[in-house]
Amino acid sequence: MQSLKNTLKKLAGPVQLTPVDARVTFRYAGPADADALTVLAQLDSSRAPSGDVIVADADGELWAAVSLDDGHAVANPFRPSGELTWSLMERARGINRELRAKPHRTWRPSPAV
């Protein structure tokens, strides 16, 4: 039984905790983040999120990203990004809820003079 536990620990790899001094910022992705999003998607064996995207930036490194358009998420599997991804998804839902709640102004042509 002990050998099975040791084997499972080796397969799981080292436990990575979020560093206490890591500064994680949730922000909108910009054009400068395109390459980092592509790398992040490749690490996650997925496609890069598209449209409006929010990211979890830990001291300049993207750990997770979520598309506001379709909810597609990617995360770095080599970082402790599970909770960050969940938090980003919750934030994305909140942003989308806020956008739906705002009254939309419709365009109306000005009356002919």
N, C-alpha and C. Protein backbone atom coordinates (compact mmCIF):
# COMPACT_ATOMS: atom_id res chain seq x y z
N MET A 1 0.82 -1.20 0.00
CA MET A 1 0.00 0.00 0.00
C MET A 1 0.86 1.26 0.00
N GLN A 2 1.96 1.22 0.77
CA GLN A 2 2.84 2.37 0.84
C GLN A 2 3.48 2.66 -0.51
N SER A 3 3.82 1.61 -1.26
CA SER A 3 4.44 1.82 -2.58
C SER A 3 3.44 2.47 -3.54
N LEU A 4 2.18 2.14 -3.41
CA LEU A 4 1.15 2.77 -4.25
C LEU A 4 1.06 4.25 -3.95
N LYS A 5 1.09 4.62 -2.67
CA LYS A 5 1.05 6.03 -2.27
C LYS A 5 2.26 6.78 -2.83
N ASN A 6 3.44 6.16 -2.73
CA ASN A 6 4.65 6.80 -3.24
C ASN A 6 4.58 6.98 -4.74
N THR A 7 4.06 5.99 -5.44
CA THR A 7 3.92 6.07 -6.89
C THR A 7 2.97 7.19 -7.28
N LEU A 8 1.84 7.28 -6.58
CA LEU A 8 0.87 8.34 -6.86
C LEU A 8 1.46 9.72 -6.58
N LYS A 9 2.24 9.85 -5.53
CA LYS A 9 2.87 11.13 -5.22
C LYS A 9 3.85 11.52 -6.32
N LYS A 10 4.60 10.55 -6.84
CA LYS A 10 5.54 10.83 -7.92
C LYS A 10 4.80 11.25 -9.18
N LEU A 11 3.68 10.59 -9.48
CA LEU A 11 2.90 10.93 -10.67
C LEU A 11 2.28 12.32 -10.55
N ALA A 12 1.84 12.66 -9.35
CA ALA A 12 1.19 13.96 -9.14
C ALA A 12 2.19 15.11 -9.21
N GLY A 13 3.43 14.83 -8.88
CA GLY A 13 4.44 15.88 -8.90
C GLY A 13 4.38 16.72 -7.64
N PRO A 14 5.24 17.72 -7.59
CA PRO A 14 5.27 18.54 -6.38
C PRO A 14 4.03 19.42 -6.26
N VAL A 15 3.63 19.65 -5.04
CA VAL A 15 2.50 20.54 -4.78
C VAL A 15 3.00 21.96 -4.91
N GLN A 16 2.29 22.75 -5.69
CA GLN A 16 2.68 24.15 -5.88
C GLN A 16 1.62 25.05 -5.25
N LEU A 17 2.03 25.77 -4.28
CA LEU A 17 1.14 26.74 -3.65
C LEU A 17 1.37 28.10 -4.28
N THR A 18 0.33 28.93 -4.26
CA THR A 18 0.50 30.29 -4.75
C THR A 18 1.46 31.00 -3.81
N PRO A 19 2.55 31.54 -4.37
CA PRO A 19 3.50 32.23 -3.50
C PRO A 19 2.81 33.36 -2.73
N VAL A 20 3.17 33.49 -1.47
CA VAL A 20 2.55 34.51 -0.62
C VAL A 20 2.83 35.90 -1.16
N ASP A 21 4.01 36.09 -1.75
CA ASP A 21 4.37 37.41 -2.22
C ASP A 21 3.99 37.66 -3.67
N ALA A 22 3.32 36.70 -4.33
CA ALA A 22 2.90 36.89 -5.72
C ALA A 22 1.76 37.91 -5.76
N ARG A 23 1.89 38.85 -6.65
CA ARG A 23 0.84 39.86 -6.82
C ARG A 23 0.01 39.46 -8.02
N VAL A 24 -1.20 39.01 -7.77
CA VAL A 24 -2.08 38.57 -8.84
C VAL A 24 -3.07 39.69 -9.14
N THR A 25 -3.14 40.03 -10.42
CA THR A 25 -4.03 41.08 -10.87
C THR A 25 -4.98 40.52 -11.90
N PHE A 26 -6.26 40.80 -11.76
CA PHE A 26 -7.23 40.48 -12.79
C PHE A 26 -7.35 41.72 -13.66
N ARG A 27 -7.20 41.54 -14.97
CA ARG A 27 -7.27 42.68 -15.88
C ARG A 27 -7.73 42.20 -17.24
N TYR A 28 -8.10 43.18 -18.09
CA TYR A 28 -8.44 42.85 -19.46
C TYR A 28 -7.15 42.58 -20.24
N ALA A 29 -7.19 41.59 -21.11
CA ALA A 29 -6.04 41.32 -21.98
C ALA A 29 -6.00 42.37 -23.07
N GLY A 30 -4.80 42.75 -23.45
CA GLY A 30 -4.61 43.72 -24.52
C GLY A 30 -3.88 43.07 -25.69
N PRO A 31 -3.67 43.82 -26.76
CA PRO A 31 -2.96 43.29 -27.92
C PRO A 31 -1.56 42.76 -27.57
N ALA A 32 -0.91 43.35 -26.59
CA ALA A 32 0.43 42.91 -26.19
C ALA A 32 0.41 41.52 -25.53
N ASP A 33 -0.76 41.04 -25.13
CA ASP A 33 -0.88 39.74 -24.47
C ASP A 33 -1.14 38.59 -25.45
N ALA A 34 -1.22 38.88 -26.73
CA ALA A 34 -1.59 37.85 -27.72
C ALA A 34 -0.64 36.66 -27.68
N ASP A 35 0.66 36.92 -27.68
CA ASP A 35 1.63 35.81 -27.66
C ASP A 35 1.53 35.02 -26.36
N ALA A 36 1.39 35.71 -25.24
CA ALA A 36 1.29 35.03 -23.95
C ALA A 36 0.03 34.17 -23.88
N LEU A 37 -1.07 34.65 -24.47
CA LEU A 37 -2.31 33.87 -24.49
C LEU A 37 -2.14 32.62 -25.36
N THR A 38 -1.40 32.74 -26.46
CA THR A 38 -1.15 31.59 -27.32
C THR A 38 -0.33 30.53 -26.57
N VAL A 39 0.70 30.98 -25.88
CA VAL A 39 1.54 30.06 -25.10
C VAL A 39 0.71 29.41 -23.99
N LEU A 40 -0.09 30.20 -23.31
CA LEU A 40 -0.94 29.68 -22.24
C LEU A 40 -1.89 28.61 -22.77
N ALA A 41 -2.48 28.85 -23.93
CA ALA A 41 -3.38 27.87 -24.54
C ALA A 41 -2.64 26.60 -24.93
N GLN A 42 -1.42 26.74 -25.43
CA GLN A 42 -0.64 25.56 -25.79
C GLN A 42 -0.30 24.74 -24.56
N LEU A 43 0.04 25.40 -23.46
CA LEU A 43 0.33 24.68 -22.21
C LEU A 43 -0.90 23.91 -21.73
N ASP A 44 -2.07 24.47 -21.99
CA ASP A 44 -3.34 23.86 -21.55
C ASP A 44 -3.90 22.91 -22.61
N SER A 45 -3.16 22.71 -23.71
CA SER A 45 -3.62 21.85 -24.82
C SER A 45 -4.99 22.28 -25.31
N SER A 46 -5.15 23.57 -25.52
CA SER A 46 -6.43 24.11 -25.91
C SER A 46 -6.22 25.26 -26.89
N ARG A 47 -7.32 25.87 -27.28
CA ARG A 47 -7.23 27.05 -28.13
C ARG A 47 -7.17 28.29 -27.24
N ALA A 48 -6.66 29.37 -27.79
CA ALA A 48 -6.59 30.62 -27.04
C ALA A 48 -7.99 31.23 -26.94
N PRO A 49 -8.32 31.84 -25.81
CA PRO A 49 -9.60 32.53 -25.70
C PRO A 49 -9.66 33.68 -26.70
N SER A 50 -10.84 33.95 -27.21
CA SER A 50 -10.98 35.01 -28.21
C SER A 50 -11.98 36.05 -27.75
N GLY A 51 -12.01 37.17 -28.46
CA GLY A 51 -12.91 38.26 -28.11
C GLY A 51 -12.36 39.04 -26.94
N ASP A 52 -13.25 39.55 -26.10
CA ASP A 52 -12.83 40.24 -24.88
C ASP A 52 -12.39 39.19 -23.88
N VAL A 53 -11.18 39.33 -23.36
CA VAL A 53 -10.59 38.32 -22.47
C VAL A 53 -10.10 39.00 -21.21
N ILE A 54 -10.35 38.36 -20.06
CA ILE A 54 -9.76 38.80 -18.80
C ILE A 54 -8.72 37.77 -18.40
N VAL A 55 -7.66 38.24 -17.74
CA VAL A 55 -6.55 37.36 -17.38
C VAL A 55 -6.19 37.51 -15.91
N ALA A 56 -5.57 36.47 -15.38
CA ALA A 56 -4.94 36.52 -14.06
C ALA A 56 -3.45 36.67 -14.30
N ASP A 57 -2.93 37.81 -13.95
CA ASP A 57 -1.53 38.15 -14.17
C ASP A 57 -0.81 38.09 -12.83
N ALA A 58 0.13 37.14 -12.70
CA ALA A 58 0.89 36.99 -11.46
C ALA A 58 2.30 37.51 -11.69
N ASP A 59 2.55 38.69 -11.23
CA ASP A 59 3.86 39.33 -11.38
C ASP A 59 4.35 39.31 -12.82
N GLY A 60 3.47 39.63 -13.76
CA GLY A 60 3.85 39.73 -15.16
C GLY A 60 3.72 38.45 -15.96
N GLU A 61 3.30 37.36 -15.34
CA GLU A 61 3.12 36.08 -16.02
C GLU A 61 1.63 35.71 -16.02
N LEU A 62 1.09 35.40 -17.20
CA LEU A 62 -0.32 35.01 -17.26
C LEU A 62 -0.47 33.58 -16.76
N TRP A 63 -1.33 33.41 -15.75
CA TRP A 63 -1.58 32.08 -15.20
C TRP A 63 -2.90 31.52 -15.68
N ALA A 64 -3.85 32.39 -16.03
CA ALA A 64 -5.17 31.93 -16.47
C ALA A 64 -5.82 33.04 -17.29
N ALA A 65 -6.76 32.63 -18.15
CA ALA A 65 -7.49 33.59 -18.98
C ALA A 65 -8.87 33.04 -19.28
N VAL A 66 -9.85 33.95 -19.39
CA VAL A 66 -11.23 33.58 -19.69
C VAL A 66 -11.81 34.55 -20.71
N SER A 67 -12.47 34.01 -21.72
CA SER A 67 -13.14 34.84 -22.71
C SER A 67 -14.48 35.30 -22.15
N LEU A 68 -14.76 36.60 -22.26
CA LEU A 68 -16.06 37.12 -21.84
C LEU A 68 -17.14 36.76 -22.86
N ASP A 69 -16.72 36.49 -24.10
CA ASP A 69 -17.68 36.20 -25.16
C ASP A 69 -18.29 34.82 -25.05
N ASP A 70 -17.43 33.79 -24.82
CA ASP A 70 -17.96 32.43 -24.80
C ASP A 70 -17.61 31.64 -23.54
N GLY A 71 -16.90 32.26 -22.59
CA GLY A 71 -16.58 31.59 -21.34
C GLY A 71 -15.43 30.60 -21.43
N HIS A 72 -14.79 30.48 -22.59
CA HIS A 72 -13.68 29.55 -22.75
C HIS A 72 -12.52 29.97 -21.86
N ALA A 73 -11.99 29.02 -21.09
CA ALA A 73 -10.91 29.32 -20.15
C ALA A 73 -9.69 28.46 -20.44
N VAL A 74 -8.52 29.03 -20.20
CA VAL A 74 -7.26 28.29 -20.25
C VAL A 74 -6.45 28.68 -19.02
N ALA A 75 -5.59 27.75 -18.60
CA ALA A 75 -4.76 28.01 -17.42
C ALA A 75 -3.44 27.27 -17.56
N ASN A 76 -2.45 27.77 -16.89
CA ASN A 76 -1.14 27.14 -16.88
C ASN A 76 -1.18 25.95 -15.93
N PRO A 77 -1.04 24.72 -16.45
CA PRO A 77 -1.12 23.55 -15.58
C PRO A 77 0.10 23.40 -14.68
N PHE A 78 1.14 24.20 -14.91
CA PHE A 78 2.35 24.12 -14.11
C PHE A 78 2.39 25.19 -13.02
N ARG A 79 1.30 25.87 -12.86
CA ARG A 79 1.14 26.88 -11.80
C ARG A 79 -0.13 26.54 -11.01
N PRO A 80 -0.22 26.99 -9.77
CA PRO A 80 -1.43 26.74 -8.98
C PRO A 80 -2.55 27.69 -9.44
N SER A 81 -3.14 27.35 -10.59
CA SER A 81 -4.06 28.28 -11.24
C SER A 81 -5.53 27.87 -11.14
N GLY A 82 -5.84 26.80 -10.45
CA GLY A 82 -7.23 26.33 -10.36
C GLY A 82 -8.17 27.35 -9.75
N GLU A 83 -7.82 27.87 -8.59
CA GLU A 83 -8.68 28.85 -7.93
C GLU A 83 -8.72 30.17 -8.70
N LEU A 84 -7.59 30.52 -9.32
CA LEU A 84 -7.58 31.75 -10.13
C LEU A 84 -8.52 31.62 -11.31
N THR A 85 -8.52 30.45 -11.95
CA THR A 85 -9.40 30.23 -13.09
C THR A 85 -10.86 30.32 -12.65
N TRP A 86 -11.18 29.69 -11.53
CA TRP A 86 -12.55 29.74 -11.02
C TRP A 86 -12.94 31.19 -10.72
N SER A 87 -12.05 31.93 -10.08
CA SER A 87 -12.34 33.33 -9.75
C SER A 87 -12.52 34.17 -11.01
N LEU A 88 -11.68 33.91 -12.02
CA LEU A 88 -11.82 34.64 -13.29
C LEU A 88 -13.17 34.34 -13.94
N MET A 89 -13.58 33.08 -13.90
CA MET A 89 -14.86 32.70 -14.50
C MET A 89 -16.02 33.39 -13.78
N GLU A 90 -15.93 33.47 -12.46
CA GLU A 90 -16.96 34.17 -11.69
C GLU A 90 -16.97 35.66 -12.04
N ARG A 91 -15.78 36.23 -12.18
CA ARG A 91 -15.69 37.65 -12.55
C ARG A 91 -16.26 37.88 -13.93
N ALA A 92 -15.97 36.98 -14.86
CA ALA A 92 -16.51 37.09 -16.22
C ALA A 92 -18.04 37.05 -16.20
N ARG A 93 -18.60 36.15 -15.39
CA ARG A 93 -20.06 36.08 -15.27
C ARG A 93 -20.61 37.39 -14.71
N GLY A 94 -19.92 37.96 -13.72
CA GLY A 94 -20.35 39.23 -13.14
C GLY A 94 -20.29 40.37 -14.14
N ILE A 95 -19.24 40.41 -14.93
CA ILE A 95 -19.11 41.46 -15.95
C ILE A 95 -20.23 41.32 -16.97
N ASN A 96 -20.48 40.10 -17.42
CA ASN A 96 -21.55 39.89 -18.40
C ASN A 96 -22.91 40.25 -17.83
N ARG A 97 -23.13 39.96 -16.55
CA ARG A 97 -24.40 40.33 -15.90
C ARG A 97 -24.56 41.85 -15.86
N GLU A 98 -23.47 42.54 -15.52
CA GLU A 98 -23.50 44.01 -15.48
C GLU A 98 -23.80 44.59 -16.86
N LEU A 99 -23.19 44.02 -17.88
CA LEU A 99 -23.41 44.53 -19.24
C LEU A 99 -24.85 44.31 -19.69
N ARG A 100 -25.43 43.17 -19.32
CA ARG A 100 -26.83 42.90 -19.69
C ARG A 100 -27.79 43.79 -18.94
N ALA A 101 -27.43 44.22 -17.74
CA ALA A 101 -28.33 45.03 -16.91
C ALA A 101 -28.38 46.48 -17.37
N LYS A 102 -27.36 46.94 -18.08
CA LYS A 102 -27.34 48.33 -18.52
C LYS A 102 -28.32 48.51 -19.67
N PRO A 103 -29.10 49.57 -19.61
CA PRO A 103 -30.02 49.82 -20.73
C PRO A 103 -29.22 50.21 -21.97
N HIS A 104 -29.58 49.63 -23.08
CA HIS A 104 -28.90 49.94 -24.33
C HIS A 104 -29.62 51.06 -25.04
N ARG A 105 -28.87 52.02 -25.49
CA ARG A 105 -29.46 53.11 -26.26
C ARG A 105 -29.57 52.65 -27.70
N THR A 106 -30.70 52.86 -28.28
CA THR A 106 -30.88 52.50 -29.68
C THR A 106 -30.65 53.73 -30.53
N TRP A 107 -30.09 53.54 -31.69
CA TRP A 107 -29.82 54.63 -32.59
C TRP A 107 -31.09 54.99 -33.33
N ARG A 108 -31.38 56.26 -33.33
CA ARG A 108 -32.54 56.75 -34.06
C ARG A 108 -32.10 57.88 -34.96
N PRO A 109 -32.53 57.84 -36.20
CA PRO A 109 -32.13 58.93 -37.10
C PRO A 109 -32.75 60.24 -36.63
N SER A 110 -32.00 61.31 -36.83
CA SER A 110 -32.53 62.61 -36.43
C SER A 110 -33.67 63.00 -37.39
N PRO A 111 -34.67 63.68 -36.85
CA PRO A 111 -35.80 64.06 -37.70
C PRO A 111 -35.36 65.01 -38.81
N ALA A 112 -35.98 64.86 -39.94
CA ALA A 112 -35.66 65.73 -41.10
C ALA A 112 -36.09 67.15 -40.77
N VAL A 113 -35.26 68.07 -41.10
CA VAL A 113 -35.57 69.49 -40.82
C VAL A 113 -36.16 70.16 -42.01
